[in-house]
Amino acid sequence: MFACDAGMGSSAMGASVLRNKFKKAGLQDIDVTNTAISNLPDDADLIVTHQDLTDRAKAKRPDAEHISVANFMNSPKYEELVDRLKK
């Protein structure tokens, strides 16, 4: 789940980038969506946020894994996640 203030724009672009990386890696069974932090669903198990918003997302969903990025469009954390999930 990608989360930002409004759940549109940057988080939608980031979700699209990661969805494409997953597809290229053969990980098509993983659902990548985006939403506003205030609308994070109870079943979100991994949440990607901009580093300025991570604390808010953690407060909303403390039980989820959180990945904090500096840039939704190009983060080395995406490749790390792809590699981890491929194993």
PDB file of N, CA and C in Angstrom:
ATOM      1  N   MET A   1       0.844  -1.168   0.000  1.00  0.00           N
ATOM      2  CA  MET A   1       0.000   0.000   0.000  1.00  0.00           C
ATOM      3  C   MET A   1       0.895   1.238   0.000  1.00  0.00           C
ATOM      4  N   PHE A   2       0.651   2.145  -0.930  1.00  0.00           N
ATOM      5  CA  PHE A   2       1.322   3.440  -0.931  1.00  0.00           C
ATOM      6  C   PHE A   2       0.375   4.433  -0.282  1.00  0.00           C
ATOM      7  N   ALA A   3       0.883   5.245   0.620  1.00  0.00           N
ATOM      8  CA  ALA A   3       0.027   6.204   1.308  1.00  0.00           C
ATOM      9  C   ALA A   3       0.657   7.589   1.297  1.00  0.00           C
ATOM     10  N   CYS A   4      -0.194   8.586   1.083  1.00  0.00           N
ATOM     11  CA  CYS A   4       0.248   9.980   1.173  1.00  0.00           C
ATOM     12  C   CYS A   4      -0.891  10.788   1.778  1.00  0.00           C
ATOM     13  N   ASP A   5      -0.803  12.098   1.727  1.00  0.00           N
ATOM     14  CA  ASP A   5      -1.827  12.938   2.352  1.00  0.00           C
ATOM     15  C   ASP A   5      -3.205  12.724   1.741  1.00  0.00           C
ATOM     16  N   ALA A   6      -3.300  12.793   0.427  1.00  0.00           N
ATOM     17  CA  ALA A   6      -4.606  12.710  -0.230  1.00  0.00           C
ATOM     18  C   ALA A   6      -4.867  11.349  -0.860  1.00  0.00           C
ATOM     19  N   GLY A   7      -3.837  10.541  -1.053  1.00  0.00           N
ATOM     20  CA  GLY A   7      -4.027   9.237  -1.666  1.00  0.00           C
ATOM     21  C   GLY A   7      -4.082   9.282  -3.175  1.00  0.00           C
ATOM     22  N   MET A   8      -3.655  10.387  -3.752  1.00  0.00           N
ATOM     23  CA  MET A   8      -3.623  10.527  -5.214  1.00  0.00           C
ATOM     24  C   MET A   8      -2.246  11.041  -5.591  1.00  0.00           C
ATOM     25  N   GLY A   9      -2.048  11.347  -6.825  1.00  0.00           N
ATOM     26  CA  GLY A   9      -0.813  11.977  -7.282  1.00  0.00           C
ATOM     27  C   GLY A   9       0.421  11.155  -7.032  1.00  0.00           C
ATOM     28  N   SER A  10       1.246  11.594  -6.094  1.00  0.00           N
ATOM     29  CA  SER A  10       2.544  10.957  -5.893  1.00  0.00           C
ATOM     30  C   SER A  10       2.435   9.507  -5.455  1.00  0.00           C
ATOM     31  N   SER A  11       1.490   9.184  -4.588  1.00  0.00           N
ATOM     32  CA  SER A  11       1.370   7.794  -4.160  1.00  0.00           C
ATOM     33  C   SER A  11       0.849   6.917  -5.298  1.00  0.00           C
ATOM     34  N   ALA A  12      -0.005   7.451  -6.151  1.00  0.00           N
ATOM     35  CA  ALA A  12      -0.497   6.690  -7.305  1.00  0.00           C
ATOM     36  C   ALA A  12       0.650   6.417  -8.271  1.00  0.00           C
ATOM     37  N   MET A  13       1.506   7.397  -8.472  1.00  0.00           N
ATOM     38  CA  MET A  13       2.661   7.197  -9.354  1.00  0.00           C
ATOM     39  C   MET A  13       3.625   6.180  -8.760  1.00  0.00           C
ATOM     40  N   GLY A  14       3.887   6.280  -7.465  1.00  0.00           N
ATOM     41  CA  GLY A  14       4.776   5.330  -6.808  1.00  0.00           C
ATOM     42  C   GLY A  14       4.234   3.916  -6.876  1.00  0.00           C
ATOM     43  N   ALA A  15       2.931   3.755  -6.664  1.00  0.00           N
ATOM     44  CA  ALA A  15       2.308   2.437  -6.757  1.00  0.00           C
ATOM     45  C   ALA A  15       2.468   1.877  -8.159  1.00  0.00           C
ATOM     46  N   SER A  16       2.326   2.717  -9.159  1.00  0.00           N
ATOM     47  CA  SER A  16       2.483   2.283 -10.547  1.00  0.00           C
ATOM     48  C   SER A  16       3.917   1.834 -10.833  1.00  0.00           C
ATOM     49  N   VAL A  17       4.883   2.580 -10.335  1.00  0.00           N
ATOM     50  CA  VAL A  17       6.291   2.218 -10.520  1.00  0.00           C
ATOM     51  C   VAL A  17       6.577   0.858  -9.883  1.00  0.00           C
ATOM     52  N   LEU A  18       6.137   0.660  -8.652  1.00  0.00           N
ATOM     53  CA  LEU A  18       6.404  -0.598  -7.965  1.00  0.00           C
ATOM     54  C   LEU A  18       5.638  -1.751  -8.612  1.00  0.00           C
ATOM     55  N   ARG A  19       4.417  -1.503  -9.043  1.00  0.00           N
ATOM     56  CA  ARG A  19       3.631  -2.530  -9.736  1.00  0.00           C
ATOM     57  C   ARG A  19       4.382  -3.021 -10.978  1.00  0.00           C
ATOM     58  N   ASN A  20       4.965  -2.088 -11.729  1.00  0.00           N
ATOM     59  CA  ASN A  20       5.738  -2.454 -12.923  1.00  0.00           C
ATOM     60  C   ASN A  20       6.996  -3.234 -12.564  1.00  0.00           C
ATOM     61  N   LYS A  21       7.670  -2.849 -11.499  1.00  0.00           N
ATOM     62  CA  LYS A  21       8.865  -3.586 -11.053  1.00  0.00           C
ATOM     63  C   LYS A  21       8.497  -5.007 -10.634  1.00  0.00           C
ATOM     64  N   PHE A  22       7.379  -5.152  -9.937  1.00  0.00           N
ATOM     65  CA  PHE A  22       6.917  -6.483  -9.550  1.00  0.00           C
ATOM     66  C   PHE A  22       6.600  -7.325 -10.782  1.00  0.00           C
ATOM     67  N   LYS A  23       5.924  -6.724 -11.746  1.00  0.00           N
ATOM     68  CA  LYS A  23       5.557  -7.445 -12.966  1.00  0.00           C
ATOM     69  C   LYS A  23       6.801  -7.945 -13.689  1.00  0.00           C
ATOM     70  N   LYS A  24       7.800  -7.078 -13.844  1.00  0.00           N
ATOM     71  CA  LYS A  24       9.054  -7.458 -14.519  1.00  0.00           C
ATOM     72  C   LYS A  24       9.781  -8.560 -13.763  1.00  0.00           C
ATOM     73  N   ALA A  25       9.607  -8.608 -12.444  1.00  0.00           N
ATOM     74  CA  ALA A  25      10.268  -9.620 -11.622  1.00  0.00           C
ATOM     75  C   ALA A  25       9.438 -10.900 -11.510  1.00  0.00           C
ATOM     76  N   GLY A  26       8.266 -10.939 -12.154  1.00  0.00           N
ATOM     77  CA  GLY A  26       7.413 -12.123 -12.087  1.00  0.00           C
ATOM     78  C   GLY A  26       6.600 -12.213 -10.812  1.00  0.00           C
ATOM     79  N   LEU A  27       6.384 -11.103 -10.166  1.00  0.00           N
ATOM     80  CA  LEU A  27       5.627 -11.076  -8.898  1.00  0.00           C
ATOM     81  C   LEU A  27       4.230 -10.482  -9.127  1.00  0.00           C
ATOM     82  N   GLN A  28       3.494 -11.007 -10.089  1.00  0.00           N
ATOM     83  CA  GLN A  28       2.199 -10.431 -10.445  1.00  0.00           C
ATOM     84  C   GLN A  28       1.097 -10.682  -9.419  1.00  0.00           C
ATOM     85  N   ASP A  29       1.288 -11.587  -8.495  1.00  0.00           N
ATOM     86  CA  ASP A  29       0.241 -11.917  -7.525  1.00  0.00           C
ATOM     87  C   ASP A  29       0.196 -10.978  -6.326  1.00  0.00           C
ATOM     88  N   ILE A  30       1.037  -9.947  -6.328  1.00  0.00           N
ATOM     89  CA  ILE A  30       1.074  -9.004  -5.206  1.00  0.00           C
ATOM     90  C   ILE A  30       0.279  -7.762  -5.590  1.00  0.00           C
ATOM     91  N   ASP A  31      -0.692  -7.412  -4.782  1.00  0.00           N
ATOM     92  CA  ASP A  31      -1.556  -6.267  -5.040  1.00  0.00           C
ATOM     93  C   ASP A  31      -0.891  -4.993  -4.520  1.00  0.00           C
ATOM     94  N   VAL A  32      -0.710  -4.014  -5.394  1.00  0.00           N
ATOM     95  CA  VAL A  32      -0.114  -2.727  -5.027  1.00  0.00           C
ATOM     96  C   VAL A  32      -1.162  -1.643  -5.271  1.00  0.00           C
ATOM     97  N   THR A  33      -1.579  -0.978  -4.202  1.00  0.00           N
ATOM     98  CA  THR A  33      -2.584   0.073  -4.316  1.00  0.00           C
ATOM     99  C   THR A  33      -2.113   1.325  -3.581  1.00  0.00           C
ATOM    100  N   ASN A  34      -2.918   2.372  -3.664  1.00  0.00           N
ATOM    101  CA  ASN A  34      -2.565   3.616  -2.969  1.00  0.00           C
ATOM    102  C   ASN A  34      -3.804   4.210  -2.315  1.00  0.00           C
ATOM    103  N   THR A  35      -3.561   4.976  -1.259  1.00  0.00           N
ATOM    104  CA  THR A  35      -4.653   5.612  -0.516  1.00  0.00           C
ATOM    105  C   THR A  35      -4.103   6.752   0.329  1.00  0.00           C
ATOM    106  N   ALA A  36      -4.993   7.485   0.931  1.00  0.00           N
ATOM    107  CA  ALA A  36      -4.600   8.499   1.912  1.00  0.00           C
ATOM    108  C   ALA A  36      -4.250   7.801   3.217  1.00  0.00           C
ATOM    109  N   ILE A  37      -3.340   8.366   3.974  1.00  0.00           N
ATOM    110  CA  ILE A  37      -2.967   7.780   5.265  1.00  0.00           C
ATOM    111  C   ILE A  37      -4.197   7.592   6.149  1.00  0.00           C
ATOM    112  N   SER A  38      -5.098   8.535   6.120  1.00  0.00           N
ATOM    113  CA  SER A  38      -6.293   8.443   6.971  1.00  0.00           C
ATOM    114  C   SER A  38      -7.207   7.288   6.568  1.00  0.00           C
ATOM    115  N   ASN A  39      -7.032   6.747   5.354  1.00  0.00           N
ATOM    116  CA  ASN A  39      -7.879   5.651   4.865  1.00  0.00           C
ATOM    117  C   ASN A  39      -7.150   4.319   4.781  1.00  0.00           C
ATOM    118  N   LEU A  40      -6.011   4.191   5.442  1.00  0.00           N
ATOM    119  CA  LEU A  40      -5.276   2.929   5.380  1.00  0.00           C
ATOM    120  C   LEU A  40      -6.158   1.783   5.877  1.00  0.00           C
ATOM    121  N   PRO A  41      -6.303   0.732   5.077  1.00  0.00           N
ATOM    122  CA  PRO A  41      -7.150  -0.383   5.504  1.00  0.00           C
ATOM    123  C   PRO A  41      -6.477  -1.232   6.573  1.00  0.00           C
ATOM    124  N   ASP A  42      -7.295  -1.926   7.334  1.00  0.00           N
ATOM    125  CA  ASP A  42      -6.786  -2.763   8.423  1.00  0.00           C
ATOM    126  C   ASP A  42      -5.923  -3.914   7.937  1.00  0.00           C
ATOM    127  N   ASP A  43      -6.088  -4.320   6.682  1.00  0.00           N
ATOM    128  CA  ASP A  43      -5.330  -5.462   6.173  1.00  0.00           C
ATOM    129  C   ASP A  43      -4.047  -5.070   5.420  1.00  0.00           C
ATOM    130  N   ALA A  44      -3.703  -3.796   5.415  1.00  0.00           N
ATOM    131  CA  ALA A  44      -2.455  -3.370   4.766  1.00  0.00           C
ATOM    132  C   ALA A  44      -1.287  -3.884   5.604  1.00  0.00           C
ATOM    133  N   ASP A  45      -0.474  -4.748   5.010  1.00  0.00           N
ATOM    134  CA  ASP A  45       0.627  -5.315   5.786  1.00  0.00           C
ATOM    135  C   ASP A  45       1.964  -4.653   5.507  1.00  0.00           C
ATOM    136  N   LEU A  46       2.069  -3.924   4.391  1.00  0.00           N
ATOM    137  CA  LEU A  46       3.288  -3.188   4.068  1.00  0.00           C
ATOM    138  C   LEU A  46       2.878  -1.837   3.506  1.00  0.00           C
ATOM    139  N   ILE A  47       3.408  -0.777   4.089  1.00  0.00           N
ATOM    140  CA  ILE A  47       3.012   0.576   3.712  1.00  0.00           C
ATOM    141  C   ILE A  47       4.244   1.376   3.321  1.00  0.00           C
ATOM    142  N   VAL A  48       4.195   1.965   2.124  1.00  0.00           N
ATOM    143  CA  VAL A  48       5.273   2.819   1.629  1.00  0.00           C
ATOM    144  C   VAL A  48       4.797   4.261   1.730  1.00  0.00           C
ATOM    145  N   THR A  49       5.598   5.100   2.355  1.00  0.00           N
ATOM    146  CA  THR A  49       5.267   6.519   2.469  1.00  0.00           C
ATOM    147  C   THR A  49       6.505   7.357   2.200  1.00  0.00           C
ATOM    148  N   HIS A  50       6.263   8.610   1.880  1.00  0.00           N
ATOM    149  CA  HIS A  50       7.373   9.566   1.814  1.00  0.00           C
ATOM    150  C   HIS A  50       7.914   9.723   3.232  1.00  0.00           C
ATOM    151  N   GLN A  51       9.206   9.937   3.338  1.00  0.00           N
ATOM    152  CA  GLN A  51       9.858  10.008   4.654  1.00  0.00           C
ATOM    153  C   GLN A  51       9.230  11.051   5.572  1.00  0.00           C
ATOM    154  N   ASP A  52       8.628  12.087   5.016  1.00  0.00           N
ATOM    155  CA  ASP A  52       7.993  13.114   5.849  1.00  0.00           C
ATOM    156  C   ASP A  52       6.653  12.663   6.430  1.00  0.00           C
ATOM    157  N   LEU A  53       6.106  11.559   5.911  1.00  0.00           N
ATOM    158  CA  LEU A  53       4.785  11.095   6.333  1.00  0.00           C
ATOM    159  C   LEU A  53       4.814   9.768   7.087  1.00  0.00           C
ATOM    160  N   THR A  54       5.980   9.164   7.198  1.00  0.00           N
ATOM    161  CA  THR A  54       6.078   7.826   7.789  1.00  0.00           C
ATOM    162  C   THR A  54       5.578   7.782   9.230  1.00  0.00           C
ATOM    163  N   ASP A  55       5.895   8.760  10.019  1.00  0.00           N
ATOM    164  CA  ASP A  55       5.446   8.757  11.418  1.00  0.00           C
ATOM    165  C   ASP A  55       3.926   8.757  11.521  1.00  0.00           C
ATOM    166  N   ARG A  56       3.260   9.505  10.646  1.00  0.00           N
ATOM    167  CA  ARG A  56       1.786   9.519  10.647  1.00  0.00           C
ATOM    168  C   ARG A  56       1.225   8.155  10.264  1.00  0.00           C
ATOM    169  N   ALA A  57       1.837   7.536   9.260  1.00  0.00           N
ATOM    170  CA  ALA A  57       1.369   6.212   8.832  1.00  0.00           C
ATOM    171  C   ALA A  57       1.600   5.177   9.936  1.00  0.00           C
ATOM    172  N   LYS A  58       2.729   5.271  10.611  1.00  0.00           N
ATOM    173  CA  LYS A  58       3.008   4.344  11.718  1.00  0.00           C
ATOM    174  C   LYS A  58       2.022   4.530  12.861  1.00  0.00           C
ATOM    175  N   ALA A  59       1.616   5.752  13.098  1.00  0.00           N
ATOM    176  CA  ALA A  59       0.629   6.000  14.152  1.00  0.00           C
ATOM    177  C   ALA A  59      -0.725   5.395  13.780  1.00  0.00           C
ATOM    178  N   LYS A  60      -1.065   5.448  12.504  1.00  0.00           N
ATOM    179  CA  LYS A  60      -2.348   4.890  12.034  1.00  0.00           C
ATOM    180  C   LYS A  60      -2.320   3.365  11.981  1.00  0.00           C
ATOM    181  N   ARG A  61      -1.199   2.785  11.557  1.00  0.00           N
ATOM    182  CA  ARG A  61      -1.071   1.330  11.412  1.00  0.00           C
ATOM    183  C   ARG A  61       0.250   0.857  12.017  1.00  0.00           C
ATOM    184  N   PRO A  62       0.366   0.843  13.339  1.00  0.00           N
ATOM    185  CA  PRO A  62       1.627   0.472  13.978  1.00  0.00           C
ATOM    186  C   PRO A  62       2.020  -0.991  13.768  1.00  0.00           C
ATOM    187  N   ASP A  63       1.068  -1.838  13.420  1.00  0.00           N
ATOM    188  CA  ASP A  63       1.347  -3.259  13.252  1.00  0.00           C
ATOM    189  C   ASP A  63       1.871  -3.619  11.862  1.00  0.00           C
ATOM    190  N   ALA A  64       1.830  -2.701  10.900  1.00  0.00           N
ATOM    191  CA  ALA A  64       2.280  -2.964   9.533  1.00  0.00           C
ATOM    192  C   ALA A  64       3.778  -2.720   9.405  1.00  0.00           C
ATOM    193  N   GLU A  65       4.371  -3.290   8.369  1.00  0.00           N
ATOM    194  CA  GLU A  65       5.755  -2.963   8.024  1.00  0.00           C
ATOM    195  C   GLU A  65       5.727  -1.653   7.251  1.00  0.00           C
ATOM    196  N   HIS A  66       6.661  -0.762   7.564  1.00  0.00           N
ATOM    197  CA  HIS A  66       6.702   0.551   6.906  1.00  0.00           C
ATOM    198  C   HIS A  66       8.020   0.725   6.171  1.00  0.00           C
ATOM    199  N   ILE A  67       7.893   1.221   4.936  1.00  0.00           N
ATOM    200  CA  ILE A  67       9.067   1.574   4.140  1.00  0.00           C
ATOM    201  C   ILE A  67       8.972   3.062   3.864  1.00  0.00           C
ATOM    202  N   SER A  68      10.020   3.768   4.232  1.00  0.00           N
ATOM    203  CA  SER A  68      10.077   5.220   4.087  1.00  0.00           C
ATOM    204  C   SER A  68      11.005   5.572   2.932  1.00  0.00           C
ATOM    205  N   VAL A  69      10.503   6.371   1.980  1.00  0.00           N
ATOM    206  CA  VAL A  69      11.302   6.735   0.806  1.00  0.00           C
ATOM    207  C   VAL A  69      11.418   8.247   0.688  1.00  0.00           C
ATOM    208  N   ALA A  70      12.476   8.679   0.038  1.00  0.00           N
ATOM    209  CA  ALA A  70      12.676  10.108  -0.190  1.00  0.00           C
ATOM    210  C   ALA A  70      11.973  10.559  -1.468  1.00  0.00           C
ATOM    211  N   ASN A  71      11.747   9.608  -2.385  1.00  0.00           N
ATOM    212  CA  ASN A  71      11.169   9.935  -3.687  1.00  0.00           C
ATOM    213  C   ASN A  71      10.307   8.756  -4.138  1.00  0.00           C
ATOM    214  N   PHE A  72       9.023   8.992  -4.353  1.00  0.00           N
ATOM    215  CA  PHE A  72       8.125   7.917  -4.778  1.00  0.00           C
ATOM    216  C   PHE A  72       8.488   7.360  -6.154  1.00  0.00           C
ATOM    217  N   MET A  73       9.056   8.185  -7.011  1.00  0.00           N
ATOM    218  CA  MET A  73       9.309   7.762  -8.389  1.00  0.00           C
ATOM    219  C   MET A  73      10.582   6.949  -8.564  1.00  0.00           C
ATOM    220  N   ASN A  74      11.546   7.132  -7.705  1.00  0.00           N
ATOM    221  CA  ASN A  74      12.829   6.469  -7.908  1.00  0.00           C
ATOM    222  C   ASN A  74      13.503   6.240  -6.565  1.00  0.00           C
ATOM    223  N   SER A  75      13.228   5.098  -5.978  1.00  0.00           N
ATOM    224  CA  SER A  75      13.834   4.778  -4.693  1.00  0.00           C
ATOM    225  C   SER A  75      14.546   3.436  -4.762  1.00  0.00           C
ATOM    226  N   PRO A  76      15.764   3.364  -4.243  1.00  0.00           N
ATOM    227  CA  PRO A  76      16.454   2.066  -4.199  1.00  0.00           C
ATOM    228  C   PRO A  76      15.741   1.060  -3.306  1.00  0.00           C
ATOM    229  N   LYS A  77      14.867   1.528  -2.442  1.00  0.00           N
ATOM    230  CA  LYS A  77      14.114   0.626  -1.563  1.00  0.00           C
ATOM    231  C   LYS A  77      13.188  -0.284  -2.367  1.00  0.00           C
ATOM    232  N   TYR A  78      12.753   0.164  -3.549  1.00  0.00           N
ATOM    233  CA  TYR A  78      11.888  -0.677  -4.387  1.00  0.00           C
ATOM    234  C   TYR A  78      12.637  -1.923  -4.843  1.00  0.00           C
ATOM    235  N   GLU A  79      13.869  -1.744  -5.305  1.00  0.00           N
ATOM    236  CA  GLU A  79      14.664  -2.901  -5.751  1.00  0.00           C
ATOM    237  C   GLU A  79      14.959  -3.836  -4.581  1.00  0.00           C
ATOM    238  N   GLU A  80      15.227  -3.269  -3.416  1.00  0.00           N
ATOM    239  CA  GLU A  80      15.461  -4.088  -2.221  1.00  0.00           C
ATOM    240  C   GLU A  80      14.229  -4.927  -1.903  1.00  0.00           C
ATOM    241  N   LEU A  81      13.042  -4.333  -2.025  1.00  0.00           N
ATOM    242  CA  LEU A  81      11.805  -5.049  -1.748  1.00  0.00           C
ATOM    243  C   LEU A  81      11.575  -6.147  -2.791  1.00  0.00           C
ATOM    244  N   VAL A  82      11.799  -5.843  -4.050  1.00  0.00           N
ATOM    245  CA  VAL A  82      11.642  -6.845  -5.112  1.00  0.00           C
ATOM    246  C   VAL A  82      12.575  -8.024  -4.847  1.00  0.00           C
ATOM    247  N   ASP A  83      13.826  -7.734  -4.548  1.00  0.00           N
ATOM    248  CA  ASP A  83      14.788  -8.798  -4.282  1.00  0.00           C
ATOM    249  C   ASP A  83      14.353  -9.649  -3.084  1.00  0.00           C
ATOM    250  N   ARG A  84      13.897  -9.003  -2.041  1.00  0.00           N
ATOM    251  CA  ARG A  84      13.453  -9.715  -0.842  1.00  0.00           C
ATOM    252  C   ARG A  84      12.255 -10.618  -1.136  1.00  0.00           C
ATOM    253  N   LEU A  85      11.307 -10.123  -1.900  1.00  0.00           N
ATOM    254  CA  LEU A  85      10.102 -10.895  -2.200  1.00  0.00           C
ATOM    255  C   LEU A  85      10.366 -12.026  -3.182  1.00  0.00           C
ATOM    256  N   LYS A  86      11.372 -11.890  -4.014  1.00  0.00           N
ATOM    257  CA  LYS A  86      11.714 -12.959  -4.952  1.00  0.00           C
ATOM    258  C   LYS A  86      12.315 -14.159  -4.220  1.00  0.00           C
ATOM    259  N   LYS A  87      12.927 -13.922  -3.066  1.00  0.00           N
ATOM    260  CA  LYS A  87      13.549 -14.999  -2.288  1.00  0.00           C
ATOM    261  C   LYS A  87      12.486 -15.727  -1.561  1.00  0.00           C
TER     262      LYS A  87
END
